[in-house]
N, C-alpha and C. Protein backbone atom coordinates (compact mmCIF):
# COMPACT_ATOMS: atom_id res chain seq x y z
N UNK A 1 -20.01 8.26 -23.76
CA UNK A 1 -18.68 8.61 -23.31
C UNK A 1 -18.15 9.77 -24.10
N UNK A 2 -17.32 10.68 -23.55
CA UNK A 2 -16.61 11.66 -24.40
C UNK A 2 -15.49 11.10 -25.08
N UNK A 3 -15.19 11.89 -26.29
CA UNK A 3 -14.04 11.38 -26.95
C UNK A 3 -12.73 11.86 -26.21
N UNK A 4 -11.68 11.19 -26.26
CA UNK A 4 -10.37 11.63 -25.66
C UNK A 4 -9.88 12.80 -26.16
N UNK A 5 -9.43 13.85 -25.26
CA UNK A 5 -8.69 14.93 -25.62
C UNK A 5 -7.69 14.80 -26.76
N UNK A 6 -7.42 15.85 -27.63
CA UNK A 6 -6.75 15.59 -28.52
C UNK A 6 -5.07 15.41 -28.26
N UNK A 7 -4.67 15.70 -27.01
CA UNK A 7 -3.36 15.23 -26.67
C UNK A 7 -3.23 13.85 -26.51
N UNK A 8 -4.34 13.23 -26.06
CA UNK A 8 -4.02 11.60 -25.84
C UNK A 8 -4.35 11.01 -27.11
N UNK A 9 -5.17 11.51 -28.07
CA UNK A 9 -4.87 11.05 -29.57
C UNK A 9 -3.73 11.02 -30.15
N UNK A 10 -2.99 12.30 -30.07
CA UNK A 10 -1.85 12.44 -30.37
C UNK A 10 -0.76 11.55 -30.21
N UNK A 11 -0.64 11.39 -28.37
CA UNK A 11 0.44 10.54 -27.68
C UNK A 11 -0.05 9.05 -28.38
N UNK A 12 -1.23 8.79 -28.49
CA UNK A 12 -1.68 7.17 -28.85
C UNK A 12 -0.67 6.99 -30.11
N UNK A 13 -1.21 7.90 -31.03
CA UNK A 13 -0.85 8.04 -32.76
C UNK A 13 0.65 7.89 -32.79
N UNK A 14 1.82 8.74 -31.92
CA UNK A 14 2.85 8.61 -31.62
C UNK A 14 3.54 7.21 -31.20
N UNK A 15 2.55 6.57 -30.37
CA UNK A 15 3.01 5.24 -29.62
C UNK A 15 2.79 4.36 -30.81
N UNK A 16 1.63 4.47 -31.72
CA UNK A 16 1.29 3.51 -32.51
C UNK A 16 1.97 3.64 -33.93
N UNK A 17 2.92 4.83 -33.88
CA UNK A 17 3.74 4.73 -35.21
C UNK A 17 4.77 3.97 -35.63
N UNK A 18 5.06 3.47 -36.58
CA UNK A 18 6.04 2.71 -36.85
C UNK A 18 7.47 3.38 -36.33
N UNK A 19 8.21 2.50 -35.66
CA UNK A 19 9.52 2.92 -35.34
C UNK A 19 10.42 3.57 -36.48
N UNK A 20 11.05 4.51 -36.48
CA UNK A 20 11.94 5.01 -37.44
C UNK A 20 13.21 4.29 -37.62
N UNK A 21 13.68 3.68 -38.89
CA UNK A 21 14.66 2.85 -39.19
C UNK A 21 15.99 3.87 -39.32
N UNK A 22 17.03 3.39 -38.87
CA UNK A 22 18.15 4.31 -39.16
C UNK A 22 18.40 4.26 -40.94
N UNK A 23 19.20 5.07 -41.31
CA UNK A 23 19.49 5.24 -42.61
C UNK A 23 20.35 3.92 -43.12
N UNK A 24 20.72 3.57 -44.30
CA UNK A 24 21.30 2.17 -44.75
C UNK A 24 22.76 2.44 -44.31
N UNK A 25 23.51 1.54 -43.79
CA UNK A 25 24.60 1.83 -43.11
C UNK A 25 24.73 2.35 -41.72
N UNK A 26 23.89 2.85 -41.17
CA UNK A 26 23.99 3.43 -40.01
C UNK A 26 23.99 2.81 -38.57
N UNK A 27 23.05 1.35 -38.89
CA UNK A 27 23.17 0.51 -37.76
C UNK A 27 23.42 -0.93 -37.92
N UNK A 28 23.20 -1.76 -37.25
CA UNK A 28 23.41 -3.16 -37.43
C UNK A 28 22.32 -3.96 -37.74
N UNK A 29 21.14 -3.36 -37.36
CA UNK A 29 19.86 -4.06 -37.57
C UNK A 29 19.58 -4.65 -36.54
N UNK A 30 20.44 -4.64 -35.41
CA UNK A 30 19.82 -5.31 -34.24
C UNK A 30 19.43 -4.17 -33.19
N UNK A 31 18.43 -4.27 -32.42
CA UNK A 31 17.72 -3.52 -31.55
C UNK A 31 17.55 -3.66 -30.29
N UNK A 32 17.46 -2.82 -29.15
CA UNK A 32 16.85 -3.07 -28.03
C UNK A 32 15.58 -2.21 -28.01
N UNK A 33 14.80 -3.15 -27.39
CA UNK A 33 13.50 -2.63 -27.16
C UNK A 33 12.81 -2.59 -25.89
N UNK A 34 12.55 -1.11 -25.21
CA UNK A 34 12.30 -0.89 -23.99
C UNK A 34 10.94 -1.45 -23.82
N UNK A 35 10.73 -2.56 -22.96
CA UNK A 35 9.24 -3.16 -22.66
C UNK A 35 8.92 -2.98 -21.33
N UNK A 36 9.66 -2.35 -20.51
CA UNK A 36 9.25 -1.90 -19.17
C UNK A 36 10.05 -0.79 -18.65
N UNK A 37 9.47 0.03 -18.15
CA UNK A 37 10.23 1.24 -17.33
C UNK A 37 10.06 2.68 -18.11
N UNK A 38 10.66 3.73 -17.55
CA UNK A 38 10.48 5.13 -18.12
C UNK A 38 10.21 5.22 -19.48
N UNK A 39 10.91 4.46 -20.19
CA UNK A 39 11.06 4.54 -21.99
C UNK A 39 10.34 3.31 -22.37
N UNK A 40 9.42 2.76 -21.98
CA UNK A 40 8.77 1.84 -22.49
C UNK A 40 8.27 2.20 -24.07
N UNK A 41 8.44 1.19 -25.15
CA UNK A 41 8.12 1.54 -26.44
C UNK A 41 9.34 1.82 -27.14
N UNK A 42 10.45 2.64 -26.52
CA UNK A 42 11.27 3.09 -27.21
C UNK A 42 12.25 1.96 -27.86
N UNK A 43 12.95 2.20 -29.09
CA UNK A 43 13.79 1.22 -29.69
C UNK A 43 14.93 2.00 -29.97
N UNK A 44 15.89 1.25 -29.63
CA UNK A 44 17.25 1.67 -29.73
C UNK A 44 17.98 0.94 -30.69
N UNK A 45 18.72 1.55 -31.63
CA UNK A 45 19.42 0.66 -32.55
C UNK A 45 21.03 0.61 -31.99
N UNK A 46 21.30 -1.02 -32.28
CA UNK A 46 22.76 -1.10 -31.86
C UNK A 46 23.64 -0.93 -32.73
N UNK A 47 24.84 -0.55 -32.35
CA UNK A 47 26.09 -0.49 -33.09
C UNK A 47 26.95 -0.75 -32.26
N UNK A 48 28.29 -1.46 -33.05
CA UNK A 48 29.56 -2.09 -32.13
C UNK A 48 30.11 -0.74 -31.47
N UNK A 49 30.28 -1.06 -30.18
CA UNK A 49 30.99 -0.04 -29.12
C UNK A 49 29.93 0.96 -28.45
N UNK A 50 28.59 0.95 -28.82
CA UNK A 50 27.66 1.86 -28.25
C UNK A 50 27.78 1.79 -27.07
N UNK A 51 27.54 2.66 -26.06
CA UNK A 51 27.41 2.71 -24.64
C UNK A 51 25.88 3.16 -24.22
N UNK A 52 25.21 2.29 -23.46
CA UNK A 52 23.92 2.62 -22.82
C UNK A 52 24.00 3.35 -21.64
N UNK A 53 23.51 4.34 -21.47
CA UNK A 53 23.21 4.98 -20.32
C UNK A 53 22.17 5.99 -20.23
N UNK A 54 22.18 7.07 -19.20
CA UNK A 54 21.01 8.09 -19.00
C UNK A 54 21.91 9.49 -19.22
N UNK A 55 23.54 9.25 -19.20
CA UNK A 55 24.17 10.41 -19.69
C UNK A 55 24.09 11.05 -21.26
N UNK A 56 24.61 12.25 -21.32
CA UNK A 56 24.42 12.91 -22.57
C UNK A 56 25.61 12.36 -23.34
N UNK A 57 26.60 11.79 -23.02
CA UNK A 57 27.58 11.14 -23.97
C UNK A 57 27.22 9.74 -24.39
N UNK A 58 26.14 9.10 -23.68
CA UNK A 58 25.83 7.79 -24.11
C UNK A 58 25.08 7.76 -25.43
N UNK A 59 25.64 6.73 -26.53
CA UNK A 59 24.89 6.60 -27.64
C UNK A 59 23.57 6.11 -27.49
N UNK A 60 23.26 5.34 -26.43
CA UNK A 60 21.83 4.61 -26.42
C UNK A 60 21.39 5.22 -24.99
N UNK A 61 20.39 6.31 -24.95
CA UNK A 61 19.99 7.13 -23.84
C UNK A 61 18.77 6.37 -23.36
N UNK A 62 18.77 6.21 -21.89
CA UNK A 62 17.47 5.54 -21.33
C UNK A 62 17.13 6.81 -20.14
N UNK A 63 15.88 7.10 -20.29
CA UNK A 63 15.03 7.98 -19.36
C UNK A 63 14.97 7.37 -17.87
N UNK A 64 15.92 6.82 -17.30
CA UNK A 64 15.90 5.94 -16.11
C UNK A 64 16.96 6.41 -15.13
N UNK A 65 16.34 6.91 -14.16
CA UNK A 65 17.16 7.60 -13.19
C UNK A 65 18.13 6.43 -12.35
N UNK A 66 17.77 5.37 -12.40
CA UNK A 66 18.37 4.01 -12.09
C UNK A 66 19.49 3.54 -12.82
N UNK A 67 19.50 4.21 -13.87
CA UNK A 67 20.61 3.91 -14.92
C UNK A 67 21.85 4.80 -14.70
N UNK A 68 22.95 4.24 -14.92
CA UNK A 68 24.34 5.06 -14.57
C UNK A 68 24.42 5.70 -15.84
N UNK A 69 25.28 7.01 -15.77
CA UNK A 69 25.35 7.61 -17.02
C UNK A 69 25.86 7.09 -18.15
N UNK A 70 26.76 6.10 -17.74
CA UNK A 70 27.52 5.18 -18.81
C UNK A 70 27.57 3.63 -18.14
N UNK A 71 26.28 3.16 -18.41
CA UNK A 71 26.08 1.75 -17.74
C UNK A 71 26.46 0.72 -18.36
N UNK A 72 26.47 0.36 -19.63
CA UNK A 72 26.76 -0.84 -20.18
C UNK A 72 27.39 -0.56 -22.05
N UNK A 73 28.13 -1.53 -22.08
CA UNK A 73 28.78 -1.27 -23.72
C UNK A 73 28.38 -2.53 -24.52
N UNK A 74 28.09 -2.24 -25.63
CA UNK A 74 27.63 -3.38 -26.51
C UNK A 74 28.81 -3.48 -27.65
N UNK A 75 29.27 -4.82 -27.79
CA UNK A 75 30.21 -5.22 -28.73
C UNK A 75 29.74 -6.06 -29.69
N UNK A 76 30.35 -6.15 -30.71
CA UNK A 76 30.00 -7.17 -31.97
C UNK A 76 30.97 -8.03 -32.42
N UNK A 77 31.03 -9.47 -32.37
CA UNK A 77 31.95 -10.20 -33.18
C UNK A 77 31.13 -10.65 -34.01
N UNK A 78 31.49 -10.40 -35.10
CA UNK A 78 30.69 -11.33 -36.53
C UNK A 78 29.12 -11.06 -36.24
N UNK A 79 28.35 -12.08 -36.04
CA UNK A 79 26.83 -11.98 -35.93
C UNK A 79 26.41 -11.98 -34.67
N UNK A 80 27.41 -11.86 -33.66
CA UNK A 80 27.34 -12.21 -32.29
C UNK A 80 27.44 -11.03 -31.55
N UNK A 81 26.40 -10.54 -30.37
CA UNK A 81 26.60 -9.50 -29.56
C UNK A 81 26.84 -9.72 -28.33
N UNK A 82 27.57 -8.79 -27.55
CA UNK A 82 27.98 -9.01 -26.20
C UNK A 82 27.37 -7.61 -25.53
N UNK A 83 27.00 -7.91 -24.21
CA UNK A 83 26.96 -6.68 -23.48
C UNK A 83 27.71 -6.67 -22.41
N UNK A 84 28.59 -5.66 -21.75
CA UNK A 84 29.51 -5.31 -20.81
C UNK A 84 29.12 -4.59 -19.69
N UNK A 85 28.91 -4.74 -18.62
CA UNK A 85 28.69 -3.90 -17.61
C UNK A 85 29.83 -2.82 -17.24
N UNK A 86 29.71 -1.65 -17.43
CA UNK A 86 30.77 -0.66 -17.26
C UNK A 86 31.08 -0.33 -15.65
N UNK A 87 30.69 -1.21 -14.90
CA UNK A 87 31.00 -0.99 -13.21
C UNK A 87 29.80 -0.18 -12.93
N UNK A 88 28.50 -0.36 -13.42
CA UNK A 88 27.54 0.39 -12.90
C UNK A 88 26.92 0.04 -11.46
N UNK A 89 26.33 1.24 -10.86
CA UNK A 89 25.93 0.87 -9.48
C UNK A 89 24.85 -0.46 -9.22
N UNK A 90 23.77 -0.37 -10.30
CA UNK A 90 22.92 -1.33 -10.16
C UNK A 90 23.07 -2.56 -11.30
N UNK A 91 24.10 -2.47 -11.85
CA UNK A 91 24.40 -3.61 -12.79
C UNK A 91 23.67 -3.97 -14.07
N UNK A 92 23.92 -4.86 -14.41
CA UNK A 92 23.13 -5.23 -15.86
C UNK A 92 22.78 -6.73 -15.77
N UNK A 93 21.75 -7.23 -15.87
CA UNK A 93 21.14 -8.69 -15.83
C UNK A 93 20.57 -9.13 -17.28
N UNK A 94 21.16 -10.15 -17.50
CA UNK A 94 20.61 -10.70 -18.80
C UNK A 94 19.85 -11.95 -18.24
N UNK A 95 18.50 -12.07 -18.53
CA UNK A 95 17.63 -13.01 -18.41
C UNK A 95 17.92 -13.58 -16.95
N UNK A 96 18.04 -12.22 -16.11
CA UNK A 96 18.08 -12.91 -14.51
C UNK A 96 19.43 -12.86 -14.09
N UNK A 97 20.62 -13.25 -14.81
CA UNK A 97 21.68 -13.40 -14.69
C UNK A 97 22.79 -12.08 -14.47
N UNK A 98 23.72 -11.75 -13.65
CA UNK A 98 24.33 -10.60 -13.72
C UNK A 98 25.53 -11.04 -15.07
N UNK A 99 25.29 -9.51 -15.89
CA UNK A 99 26.35 -9.62 -16.99
C UNK A 99 27.55 -8.94 -16.28
N UNK A 100 28.92 -9.65 -16.80
CA UNK A 100 30.18 -9.21 -15.96
C UNK A 100 30.69 -8.11 -17.01
N UNK A 101 31.91 -7.67 -16.31
CA UNK A 101 32.53 -6.46 -17.37
C UNK A 101 32.85 -7.10 -18.66
N UNK A 102 33.43 -8.76 -18.34
CA UNK A 102 33.95 -9.29 -19.59
C UNK A 102 32.77 -9.38 -20.87
N UNK A 103 31.54 -9.35 -20.02
CA UNK A 103 30.43 -9.47 -21.22
C UNK A 103 29.84 -10.54 -21.27
N UNK A 104 28.24 -10.30 -21.58
CA UNK A 104 27.40 -11.64 -21.75
C UNK A 104 27.09 -11.65 -23.27
N UNK A 105 26.99 -12.90 -23.68
CA UNK A 105 26.42 -13.16 -24.86
C UNK A 105 25.10 -13.04 -24.85
N UNK A 106 24.65 -12.18 -25.99
CA UNK A 106 23.05 -12.08 -26.35
C UNK A 106 22.78 -12.77 -27.17
N UNK A 107 21.33 -13.34 -27.05
CA UNK A 107 20.45 -14.34 -28.07
C UNK A 107 19.08 -13.55 -28.32
N UNK A 108 18.83 -13.80 -29.67
CA UNK A 108 17.41 -13.37 -29.58
C UNK A 108 16.38 -13.36 -28.63
N UNK A 109 15.86 -12.48 -28.27
CA UNK A 109 14.68 -12.43 -27.23
C UNK A 109 15.26 -12.25 -25.91
N UNK A 110 16.61 -12.25 -25.64
CA UNK A 110 16.93 -12.13 -24.27
C UNK A 110 16.44 -10.68 -23.56
N UNK A 111 16.46 -10.90 -22.50
CA UNK A 111 15.76 -9.59 -21.82
C UNK A 111 16.95 -8.96 -20.69
N UNK A 112 17.13 -7.62 -20.94
CA UNK A 112 18.14 -7.05 -20.31
C UNK A 112 17.49 -6.48 -19.25
N UNK A 113 17.94 -6.49 -17.85
CA UNK A 113 17.41 -5.50 -16.94
C UNK A 113 18.46 -4.53 -16.68
N UNK A 114 18.14 -3.23 -16.63
CA UNK A 114 19.18 -2.22 -16.62
C UNK A 114 18.04 -1.10 -15.91
N UNK A 115 18.84 -0.59 -14.43
CA UNK A 115 17.94 0.23 -13.67
C UNK A 115 16.32 -0.26 -13.40
N UNK A 116 15.42 0.49 -13.71
CA UNK A 116 14.00 0.14 -13.45
C UNK A 116 13.63 -0.31 -14.96
N UNK A 117 14.46 -0.38 -16.03
CA UNK A 117 13.94 -0.85 -17.54
C UNK A 117 14.51 -2.26 -17.65
N UNK A 118 13.37 -2.69 -18.65
CA UNK A 118 13.74 -4.06 -19.12
C UNK A 118 13.80 -3.93 -20.54
N UNK A 119 14.77 -4.21 -21.19
CA UNK A 119 14.80 -4.16 -22.64
C UNK A 119 14.95 -5.51 -23.30
N UNK A 120 14.52 -5.59 -24.58
CA UNK A 120 14.65 -6.95 -25.11
C UNK A 120 15.31 -6.82 -26.29
N UNK A 121 16.40 -7.68 -26.60
CA UNK A 121 17.38 -7.81 -27.68
C UNK A 121 16.50 -8.54 -28.85
N UNK A 122 16.94 -7.72 -29.91
CA UNK A 122 15.92 -8.01 -31.19
C UNK A 122 17.23 -7.87 -32.40
N UNK A 123 17.60 -9.32 -32.66
CA UNK A 123 18.52 -9.37 -33.77
C UNK A 123 17.64 -8.82 -35.26
N UNK A 124 18.62 -8.64 -36.35
CA UNK A 124 18.16 -8.33 -37.41
C UNK A 124 17.08 -9.43 -37.81
N UNK A 125 15.93 -8.94 -38.39
CA UNK A 125 14.93 -9.95 -38.90
C UNK A 125 15.58 -10.25 -40.19
N UNK A 126 15.05 -11.77 -40.24
CA UNK A 126 15.45 -12.70 -41.22
C UNK A 126 14.67 -12.48 -42.63
N UNK A 127 13.40 -11.67 -42.59
CA UNK A 127 12.71 -11.31 -43.79
C UNK A 127 11.84 -10.38 -43.44
N UNK A 128 10.61 -10.03 -44.14
CA UNK A 128 9.65 -9.57 -43.93
C UNK A 128 8.90 -9.86 -42.67
N UNK A 129 8.59 -10.79 -42.69
CA UNK A 129 7.88 -11.51 -41.35
C UNK A 129 8.86 -12.49 -40.62
N UNK A 130 8.54 -12.34 -38.97
CA UNK A 130 9.44 -13.36 -38.26
C UNK A 130 8.55 -13.38 -37.13
N UNK A 131 8.89 -14.75 -36.62
CA UNK A 131 8.12 -15.21 -35.35
C UNK A 131 8.43 -14.15 -34.25
N UNK A 132 7.60 -14.00 -33.44
CA UNK A 132 7.73 -13.27 -32.19
C UNK A 132 7.67 -14.19 -30.90
N UNK A 133 8.91 -14.49 -30.11
CA UNK A 133 9.10 -15.18 -29.11
C UNK A 133 8.37 -14.88 -27.85
N UNK A 134 7.86 -15.67 -27.16
CA UNK A 134 7.01 -15.20 -26.11
C UNK A 134 7.63 -14.50 -25.09
N UNK A 135 7.44 -13.63 -24.38
CA UNK A 135 8.31 -12.76 -23.26
C UNK A 135 7.34 -12.35 -22.35
N UNK A 136 7.50 -12.71 -21.07
CA UNK A 136 6.54 -12.58 -20.03
C UNK A 136 7.08 -11.67 -18.98
N UNK A 137 6.61 -10.78 -18.87
CA UNK A 137 7.21 -9.46 -17.85
C UNK A 137 6.27 -9.53 -16.58
N UNK A 138 6.62 -9.15 -15.57
CA UNK A 138 5.81 -9.33 -14.27
C UNK A 138 4.76 -7.87 -14.48
N UNK A 139 3.52 -8.12 -14.49
CA UNK A 139 2.37 -7.19 -14.56
C UNK A 139 2.39 -6.28 -13.29
N UNK A 140 2.51 -5.08 -13.28
CA UNK A 140 2.26 -4.21 -11.92
C UNK A 140 0.94 -4.67 -11.11
N UNK A 141 0.91 -4.60 -9.79
CA UNK A 141 -0.13 -4.98 -9.13
C UNK A 141 -1.34 -4.48 -9.33
N UNK A 142 -2.40 -5.23 -9.44
CA UNK A 142 -3.68 -4.89 -9.90
C UNK A 142 -3.98 -4.85 -11.46
N UNK A 143 -2.70 -5.12 -12.18
CA UNK A 143 -2.85 -4.99 -13.68
C UNK A 143 -3.34 -6.17 -13.99
N UNK A 144 -4.02 -6.51 -15.28
CA UNK A 144 -4.13 -7.94 -15.88
C UNK A 144 -2.99 -8.30 -16.33
N UNK A 145 -2.49 -9.88 -16.22
CA UNK A 145 -1.46 -10.24 -16.71
C UNK A 145 -1.04 -9.96 -18.30
N UNK A 146 0.25 -9.72 -18.65
CA UNK A 146 0.64 -9.68 -19.80
C UNK A 146 0.57 -11.13 -20.09
N UNK A 147 -0.04 -11.04 -21.32
CA UNK A 147 0.00 -12.35 -22.36
C UNK A 147 1.20 -12.72 -23.17
N UNK A 148 1.18 -13.40 -24.46
CA UNK A 148 2.45 -13.44 -25.03
C UNK A 148 2.72 -12.24 -25.39
N UNK A 149 3.96 -12.20 -25.75
CA UNK A 149 4.59 -10.76 -26.09
C UNK A 149 4.25 -10.19 -27.09
N UNK A 150 3.84 -8.99 -26.99
CA UNK A 150 3.05 -8.20 -27.85
C UNK A 150 4.40 -6.98 -28.37
N UNK A 151 4.23 -6.66 -29.60
CA UNK A 151 5.12 -5.52 -29.96
C UNK A 151 4.87 -4.36 -29.03
N UNK A 152 5.96 -3.55 -28.90
CA UNK A 152 6.30 -2.47 -27.71
C UNK A 152 5.22 -1.33 -27.78
N UNK A 153 4.63 -1.02 -29.09
CA UNK A 153 3.64 -0.09 -29.32
C UNK A 153 2.39 -0.65 -28.95
N UNK A 154 1.94 -1.67 -28.93
CA UNK A 154 0.58 -2.41 -28.59
C UNK A 154 0.75 -2.54 -27.03
N UNK A 155 1.88 -2.82 -26.42
CA UNK A 155 2.25 -2.73 -25.02
C UNK A 155 1.80 -1.57 -24.44
N UNK A 156 2.39 -0.41 -25.07
CA UNK A 156 2.47 0.77 -24.66
C UNK A 156 0.83 1.32 -24.69
N UNK A 157 0.36 1.12 -25.70
CA UNK A 157 -1.21 1.38 -26.04
C UNK A 157 -1.89 0.93 -24.88
N UNK A 158 -1.91 -0.58 -24.54
CA UNK A 158 -2.43 -0.84 -23.39
C UNK A 158 -2.42 -0.42 -22.14
N UNK A 159 -1.00 0.12 -22.02
CA UNK A 159 -0.75 0.80 -20.55
C UNK A 159 -1.76 2.13 -20.69
N UNK A 160 -1.62 2.83 -21.86
CA UNK A 160 -2.26 3.77 -22.05
C UNK A 160 -3.64 3.77 -21.67
N UNK A 161 -4.42 2.75 -22.23
CA UNK A 161 -5.64 2.71 -22.32
C UNK A 161 -6.18 2.18 -20.41
N UNK A 162 -5.27 1.44 -19.88
CA UNK A 162 -5.41 1.19 -18.59
C UNK A 162 -5.21 2.32 -17.76
N UNK A 163 -4.35 3.13 -17.92
CA UNK A 163 -4.52 4.45 -17.20
C UNK A 163 -5.58 5.42 -17.26
N UNK A 164 -6.10 5.54 -18.41
CA UNK A 164 -7.01 6.07 -18.95
C UNK A 164 -8.65 5.50 -18.05
N UNK A 165 -8.71 4.32 -18.13
CA UNK A 165 -9.80 3.86 -17.50
C UNK A 165 -9.63 3.87 -16.09
N UNK A 166 -8.61 3.82 -15.30
CA UNK A 166 -8.24 4.30 -13.87
C UNK A 166 -8.71 5.58 -13.71
N UNK A 167 -8.26 6.58 -14.49
CA UNK A 167 -8.67 7.93 -14.29
C UNK A 167 -10.18 7.93 -14.63
N UNK A 168 -10.92 7.20 -15.15
CA UNK A 168 -12.23 7.57 -15.71
C UNK A 168 -13.09 7.18 -14.55
N UNK A 169 -12.50 5.78 -13.81
CA UNK A 169 -13.00 5.30 -12.68
C UNK A 169 -13.02 6.11 -11.47
N UNK A 170 -11.89 6.94 -11.34
CA UNK A 170 -11.53 7.66 -10.00
C UNK A 170 -12.45 9.00 -10.13
N UNK A 171 -12.89 9.26 -11.46
CA UNK A 171 -13.44 10.75 -11.63
C UNK A 171 -14.89 10.31 -11.23
N UNK A 172 -15.49 9.03 -11.21
CA UNK A 172 -16.85 8.71 -11.00
C UNK A 172 -17.23 8.83 -9.61
């Protein structure tokens, strides 16, 4: 079997590289991690008042055509976070339930469906190591089922390997 092209190795290295952390004081320590959709593997640092969307003015940008330019706003009250739908066409769902303009309270491990993207809410880590809550996302047709939650980089690497295997099989 031939070695993968350099561009594939570079892409895999970028996927597996640790996510950049914001400078001290720049963020809250809470994150949204894209676990499905066009930006799978992206990590978005939350800050109070941040707007999520695909538009240039959005603080947290998603590469998702089904996401409004200004889709949702995140607000913080103490240690708690809320997501507010900004009247988007496709809405925001938290663990399958619609989020209202008045907001939905977020808990660790909550899944936010925005357009074609599925985002995981991650609060600040309690220490250097923390337990990962199982998250199950529906697998695409014909793909092996996703086991317990994996870090986004590993999930993206598996997706890349599955694509490479499918291309190799098609080339035969």
